[in-house]
Amino acid sequence: MVILRKIESFLRDTGMAPTRFGRDAVRDPRLVFDMRNGREPSPRMIRKIEHFMNIFRNGAISQ
């Protein structure tokens, strides 16, 4: 799963907790844990996740 590798990299780079990431990105605090256990996100959810990471990295969202 390419998106999970992107998320793991994002979490490492930002120091964000997995639960906060899931809650802020798609309102699901279990997202990262479930994906680590095999959950496959829908294409729509992947777009939301990528959008969140992009705007966070561009400074539109603060920690």
C-alpha atoms as a PDB file:
ATOM      1  CA  MET A   1       0.000   0.000   0.000  1.00  0.00           C
ATOM      2  CA  VAL A   2       1.707   3.115  -1.247  1.00  0.00           C
ATOM      3  CA  ILE A   3      -0.496   5.458   0.776  1.00  0.00           C
ATOM      4  CA  LEU A   4       0.482   3.771   4.044  1.00  0.00           C
ATOM      5  CA  ARG A   5       4.178   4.342   3.276  1.00  0.00           C
ATOM      6  CA  LYS A   6       3.399   8.010   2.580  1.00  0.00           C
ATOM      7  CA  ILE A   7       1.513   8.292   5.864  1.00  0.00           C
ATOM      8  CA  GLU A   8       4.305   6.603   7.841  1.00  0.00           C
ATOM      9  CA  SER A   9       6.834   8.993   6.290  1.00  0.00           C
ATOM     10  CA  PHE A  10       4.589  11.966   7.090  1.00  0.00           C
ATOM     11  CA  LEU A  11       4.222  10.833  10.706  1.00  0.00           C
ATOM     12  CA  ARG A  12       8.002  10.426  11.045  1.00  0.00           C
ATOM     13  CA  ASP A  13       8.705  13.829   9.465  1.00  0.00           C
ATOM     14  CA  THR A  14       6.130  15.748  11.490  1.00  0.00           C
ATOM     15  CA  GLY A  15       6.169  13.813  14.763  1.00  0.00           C
ATOM     16  CA  MET A  16       2.383  13.646  14.629  1.00  0.00           C
ATOM     17  CA  ALA A  17       0.648  10.834  16.506  1.00  0.00           C
ATOM     18  CA  PRO A  18      -1.211   8.294  14.340  1.00  0.00           C
ATOM     19  CA  THR A  19      -4.490   8.942  16.160  1.00  0.00           C
ATOM     20  CA  ARG A  20      -4.258  12.684  15.605  1.00  0.00           C
ATOM     21  CA  PHE A  21      -3.426  12.147  11.949  1.00  0.00           C
ATOM     22  CA  GLY A  22      -6.484   9.965  11.397  1.00  0.00           C
ATOM     23  CA  ARG A  23      -8.748  12.309  13.322  1.00  0.00           C
ATOM     24  CA  ASP A  24      -7.537  15.441  11.544  1.00  0.00           C
ATOM     25  CA  ALA A  25      -7.351  13.920   8.056  1.00  0.00           C
ATOM     26  CA  VAL A  26     -10.562  11.866   7.884  1.00  0.00           C
ATOM     27  CA  ARG A  27     -12.182  11.999  11.351  1.00  0.00           C
ATOM     28  CA  ASP A  28     -11.121   8.435  12.161  1.00  0.00           C
ATOM     29  CA  PRO A  29      -8.562   8.089  14.965  1.00  0.00           C
ATOM     30  CA  ARG A  30      -8.110   4.357  14.185  1.00  0.00           C
ATOM     31  CA  LEU A  31      -7.260   4.921  10.510  1.00  0.00           C
ATOM     32  CA  VAL A  32      -3.493   4.357  10.704  1.00  0.00           C
ATOM     33  CA  PHE A  33      -3.764   1.389  13.062  1.00  0.00           C
ATOM     34  CA  ASP A  34      -6.408  -0.229  10.859  1.00  0.00           C
ATOM     35  CA  MET A  35      -4.337   0.368   7.721  1.00  0.00           C
ATOM     36  CA  ARG A  36      -1.328  -1.219   9.401  1.00  0.00           C
ATOM     37  CA  ASN A  37      -3.555  -4.263   9.914  1.00  0.00           C
ATOM     38  CA  GLY A  38      -4.653  -4.436   6.278  1.00  0.00           C
ATOM     39  CA  ARG A  39      -7.477  -1.913   5.891  1.00  0.00           C
ATOM     40  CA  GLU A  40      -7.712  -0.636   2.318  1.00  0.00           C
ATOM     41  CA  PRO A  41      -8.923   2.969   2.100  1.00  0.00           C
ATOM     42  CA  SER A  42     -11.276   3.963  -0.702  1.00  0.00           C
ATOM     43  CA  PRO A  43     -10.029   6.210  -3.526  1.00  0.00           C
ATOM     44  CA  ARG A  44     -12.014   9.090  -2.014  1.00  0.00           C
ATOM     45  CA  MET A  45     -10.367   8.588   1.389  1.00  0.00           C
ATOM     46  CA  ILE A  46      -6.926   8.436  -0.240  1.00  0.00           C
ATOM     47  CA  ARG A  47      -7.605  11.824  -1.875  1.00  0.00           C
ATOM     48  CA  LYS A  48      -8.617  13.283   1.513  1.00  0.00           C
ATOM     49  CA  ILE A  49      -5.492  11.877   3.172  1.00  0.00           C
ATOM     50  CA  GLU A  50      -3.181  13.227   0.463  1.00  0.00           C
ATOM     51  CA  HIS A  51      -4.925  16.599   0.536  1.00  0.00           C
ATOM     52  CA  PHE A  52      -4.481  16.821   4.317  1.00  0.00           C
ATOM     53  CA  MET A  53      -0.770  15.964   4.095  1.00  0.00           C
ATOM     54  CA  ASN A  54      -0.219  18.511   1.307  1.00  0.00           C
ATOM     55  CA  ILE A  55      -1.909  21.399   3.068  1.00  0.00           C
ATOM     56  CA  PHE A  56      -0.221  20.527   6.363  1.00  0.00           C
ATOM     57  CA  ARG A  57       3.218  20.527   4.740  1.00  0.00           C
ATOM     58  CA  ASN A  58       2.476  23.821   3.004  1.00  0.00           C
ATOM     59  CA  GLY A  59       1.755  25.429   6.358  1.00  0.00           C
ATOM     60  CA  ALA A  60      -1.992  25.880   5.956  1.00  0.00           C
ATOM     61  CA  ILE A  61      -2.546  23.739   9.068  1.00  0.00           C
ATOM     62  CA  SER A  62      -0.486  24.234  12.188  1.00  0.00           C
ATOM     63  CA  GLN A  63       0.452  21.722  14.841  1.00  0.00           C
END
